[in-house]
Amino acid sequence: QVQLQESGPGLVKPSQTLSLTCTVSGGSITTNPYYWSWVRQPPGKGLEWMGAIDYSGSTYYSPSLKSRTSISRDTSKNQFTLQLSSVTPEDTAVYYCARGITGFGSWGQGTQVTVSS
């Protein structure tokens, strides 16, 4: 059974770049036909899909976040990474990595990221 685990700093200053890593175990991120996504949930709001990377390394982004988001991967470590630039307090949220792109079969436990000076 695939397991996902997010890691990264819990506090980021405004205007900086948020960087999170998802480590996958129990399955390879290069296995066809899987997609690997980042999803966030701001306090008091619903889930927001941010973007994904697929088994071949192709990337997909939410139009509302595309200009600030980059997703990459390290196949040697079976990890994929989120970078969100120019963060503001509105980017404060619990960030999740998940397998899938519309429906999600497996989720990480989530990591709280607060944007504050």
C-alpha atoms as a PDB file:
ATOM      1  CA  GLN A   1       0.000   0.000   0.000  1.00  0.00           C
ATOM      2  CA  VAL A   2       1.406   3.357  -1.002  1.00  0.00           C
ATOM      3  CA  GLN A   3       2.161   5.860   1.736  1.00  0.00           C
ATOM      4  CA  LEU A   4       2.924   9.573   1.385  1.00  0.00           C
ATOM      5  CA  GLN A   5       4.648  11.888   3.855  1.00  0.00           C
ATOM      6  CA  GLU A   6       4.989  15.667   3.564  1.00  0.00           C
ATOM      7  CA  SER A   7       7.990  17.509   4.969  1.00  0.00           C
ATOM      8  CA  GLY A   8       9.149  21.106   5.052  1.00  0.00           C
ATOM      9  CA  PRO A   9       9.173  24.248   7.158  1.00  0.00           C
ATOM     10  CA  GLY A  10       6.076  25.124   9.125  1.00  0.00           C
ATOM     11  CA  LEU A  11       6.689  28.878   9.004  1.00  0.00           C
ATOM     12  CA  VAL A  12       7.490  30.967   5.947  1.00  0.00           C
ATOM     13  CA  LYS A  13       7.875  34.743   5.752  1.00  0.00           C
ATOM     14  CA  PRO A  14       5.806  36.804   3.329  1.00  0.00           C
ATOM     15  CA  SER A  15       7.334  37.204  -0.144  1.00  0.00           C
ATOM     16  CA  GLN A  16       9.488  34.103   0.328  1.00  0.00           C
ATOM     17  CA  THR A  17       9.151  30.744  -1.442  1.00  0.00           C
ATOM     18  CA  LEU A  18       7.384  27.873   0.264  1.00  0.00           C
ATOM     19  CA  SER A  19       9.018  24.518  -0.439  1.00  0.00           C
ATOM     20  CA  LEU A  20       7.566  21.145   0.555  1.00  0.00           C
ATOM     21  CA  THR A  21       8.627  17.604  -0.255  1.00  0.00           C
ATOM     22  CA  CYS A  22       6.464  14.496  -0.453  1.00  0.00           C
ATOM     23  CA  THR A  23       8.215  11.167   0.093  1.00  0.00           C
ATOM     24  CA  VAL A  24       6.415   8.178  -1.356  1.00  0.00           C
ATOM     25  CA  SER A  25       6.854   4.624  -0.129  1.00  0.00           C
ATOM     26  CA  GLY A  26       5.242   1.386  -1.206  1.00  0.00           C
ATOM     27  CA  GLY A  27       5.138   2.383  -4.861  1.00  0.00           C
ATOM     28  CA  SER A  28       7.131   4.253  -7.480  1.00  0.00           C
ATOM     29  CA  ILE A  29       6.227   7.749  -8.645  1.00  0.00           C
ATOM     30  CA  THR A  30       7.234   6.653 -12.152  1.00  0.00           C
ATOM     31  CA  THR A  31       4.593   3.924 -12.364  1.00  0.00           C
ATOM     32  CA  ASN A  32       2.134   4.422 -15.203  1.00  0.00           C
ATOM     33  CA  PRO A  33      -0.600   5.769 -14.971  1.00  0.00           C
ATOM     34  CA  TYR A  34      -0.294   7.516 -11.640  1.00  0.00           C
ATOM     35  CA  TYR A  35      -0.455  11.252 -10.954  1.00  0.00           C
ATOM     36  CA  TRP A  36       0.885  12.912  -7.818  1.00  0.00           C
ATOM     37  CA  SER A  37      -0.779  16.068  -6.551  1.00  0.00           C
ATOM     38  CA  TRP A  38      -0.484  18.873  -4.056  1.00  0.00           C
ATOM     39  CA  VAL A  39      -3.693  19.972  -2.354  1.00  0.00           C
ATOM     40  CA  ARG A  40      -4.153  22.571   0.361  1.00  0.00           C
ATOM     41  CA  GLN A  41      -6.842  23.604   2.817  1.00  0.00           C
ATOM     42  CA  PRO A  42      -6.787  27.124   4.242  1.00  0.00           C
ATOM     43  CA  PRO A  43      -8.349  27.573   7.665  1.00  0.00           C
ATOM     44  CA  GLY A  44     -12.126  27.494   7.480  1.00  0.00           C
ATOM     45  CA  LYS A  45     -12.125  26.751   3.739  1.00  0.00           C
ATOM     46  CA  GLY A  46     -12.376  23.753   1.457  1.00  0.00           C
ATOM     47  CA  LEU A  47      -9.707  21.745  -0.308  1.00  0.00           C
ATOM     48  CA  GLU A  48      -7.882  23.432  -3.188  1.00  0.00           C
ATOM     49  CA  TRP A  49      -6.016  21.406  -5.805  1.00  0.00           C
ATOM     50  CA  MET A  50      -2.747  23.177  -6.624  1.00  0.00           C
ATOM     51  CA  GLY A  51      -1.086  21.009  -9.231  1.00  0.00           C
ATOM     52  CA  ALA A  52       0.323  17.618 -10.099  1.00  0.00           C
ATOM     53  CA  ILE A  53       3.165  15.740 -11.717  1.00  0.00           C
ATOM     54  CA  ASP A  54       2.564  12.509 -13.547  1.00  0.00           C
ATOM     55  CA  TYR A  55       4.517   9.258 -13.935  1.00  0.00           C
ATOM     56  CA  SER A  56       6.410  10.658 -16.945  1.00  0.00           C
ATOM     57  CA  GLY A  57       7.307  13.948 -15.260  1.00  0.00           C
ATOM     58  CA  SER A  58       4.696  16.107 -16.996  1.00  0.00           C
ATOM     59  CA  THR A  59       3.241  18.824 -14.799  1.00  0.00           C
ATOM     60  CA  TYR A  60      -0.244  20.307 -14.449  1.00  0.00           C
ATOM     61  CA  TYR A  61      -1.194  23.429 -12.521  1.00  0.00           C
ATOM     62  CA  SER A  62      -4.270  25.169 -11.213  1.00  0.00           C
ATOM     63  CA  PRO A  63      -4.804  28.257 -13.384  1.00  0.00           C
ATOM     64  CA  SER A  64      -5.192  30.434 -10.306  1.00  0.00           C
ATOM     65  CA  LEU A  65      -1.784  29.395  -8.934  1.00  0.00           C
ATOM     66  CA  LYS A  66       0.153  28.601 -12.104  1.00  0.00           C
ATOM     67  CA  SER A  67       2.237  31.768 -12.092  1.00  0.00           C
ATOM     68  CA  ARG A  68       3.589  31.005  -8.589  1.00  0.00           C
ATOM     69  CA  THR A  69       3.739  27.198  -8.535  1.00  0.00           C
ATOM     70  CA  SER A  70       6.372  24.697  -9.578  1.00  0.00           C
ATOM     71  CA  ILE A  71       6.265  20.945  -9.054  1.00  0.00           C
ATOM     72  CA  SER A  72       9.284  18.748  -9.659  1.00  0.00           C
ATOM     73  CA  ARG A  73      10.492  15.282  -8.723  1.00  0.00           C
ATOM     74  CA  ASP A  74      13.541  13.286  -7.697  1.00  0.00           C
ATOM     75  CA  THR A  75      13.023   9.769  -8.952  1.00  0.00           C
ATOM     76  CA  SER A  76      16.140   8.487  -7.182  1.00  0.00           C
ATOM     77  CA  LYS A  77      14.527   9.395  -3.862  1.00  0.00           C
ATOM     78  CA  ASN A  78      10.933   8.691  -4.941  1.00  0.00           C
ATOM     79  CA  GLN A  79       9.977  12.234  -3.954  1.00  0.00           C
ATOM     80  CA  PHE A  80       8.119  15.121  -5.522  1.00  0.00           C
ATOM     81  CA  THR A  81       8.377  18.731  -4.466  1.00  0.00           C
ATOM     82  CA  LEU A  82       6.158  21.816  -4.371  1.00  0.00           C
ATOM     83  CA  GLN A  83       7.493  25.336  -4.625  1.00  0.00           C
ATOM     84  CA  LEU A  84       5.112  28.277  -4.177  1.00  0.00           C
ATOM     85  CA  SER A  85       6.689  31.674  -4.663  1.00  0.00           C
ATOM     86  CA  SER A  86       5.818  35.128  -3.354  1.00  0.00           C
ATOM     87  CA  VAL A  87       3.722  33.786  -0.519  1.00  0.00           C
ATOM     88  CA  THR A  88       1.295  35.923   1.481  1.00  0.00           C
ATOM     89  CA  PRO A  89      -0.661  35.188   4.677  1.00  0.00           C
ATOM     90  CA  GLU A  90      -3.473  33.944   2.397  1.00  0.00           C
ATOM     91  CA  ASP A  91      -1.249  30.966   1.574  1.00  0.00           C
ATOM     92  CA  THR A  92      -1.468  29.780   5.182  1.00  0.00           C
ATOM     93  CA  ALA A  93      -2.971  26.294   5.011  1.00  0.00           C
ATOM     94  CA  VAL A  94      -2.569  22.615   5.661  1.00  0.00           C
ATOM     95  CA  TYR A  95      -0.733  21.231   2.642  1.00  0.00           C
ATOM     96  CA  TYR A  96      -1.290  17.657   1.504  1.00  0.00           C
ATOM     97  CA  CYS A  97       0.329  15.463  -1.082  1.00  0.00           C
ATOM     98  CA  ALA A  98      -1.867  12.820  -2.672  1.00  0.00           C
ATOM     99  CA  ARG A  99      -1.926  10.206  -5.402  1.00  0.00           C
ATOM    100  CA  GLY A 100      -4.315  11.154  -8.161  1.00  0.00           C
ATOM    101  CA  ILE A 101      -5.403  14.284  -9.965  1.00  0.00           C
ATOM    102  CA  THR A 102      -9.195  14.372  -9.638  1.00  0.00           C
ATOM    103  CA  GLY A 103     -10.020  11.483  -7.357  1.00  0.00           C
ATOM    104  CA  PHE A 104      -7.345  10.767  -4.772  1.00  0.00           C
ATOM    105  CA  GLY A 105      -6.555   7.237  -3.664  1.00  0.00           C
ATOM    106  CA  SER A 106      -3.935   7.962  -1.039  1.00  0.00           C
ATOM    107  CA  TRP A 107      -3.105  11.027   1.031  1.00  0.00           C
ATOM    108  CA  GLY A 108      -0.308  12.185   3.248  1.00  0.00           C
ATOM    109  CA  GLN A 109      -1.193  13.273   6.760  1.00  0.00           C
ATOM    110  CA  GLY A 110      -0.779  16.946   5.858  1.00  0.00           C
ATOM    111  CA  THR A 111       1.553  19.615   7.128  1.00  0.00           C
ATOM    112  CA  GLN A 112       0.615  23.034   8.503  1.00  0.00           C
ATOM    113  CA  VAL A 113       2.345  25.965   6.835  1.00  0.00           C
ATOM    114  CA  THR A 114       1.906  29.434   8.270  1.00  0.00           C
ATOM    115  CA  VAL A 115       2.949  32.546   6.385  1.00  0.00           C
ATOM    116  CA  SER A 116       3.856  35.254   8.844  1.00  0.00           C
ATOM    117  CA  SER A 117       6.605  37.720   9.559  1.00  0.00           C
END
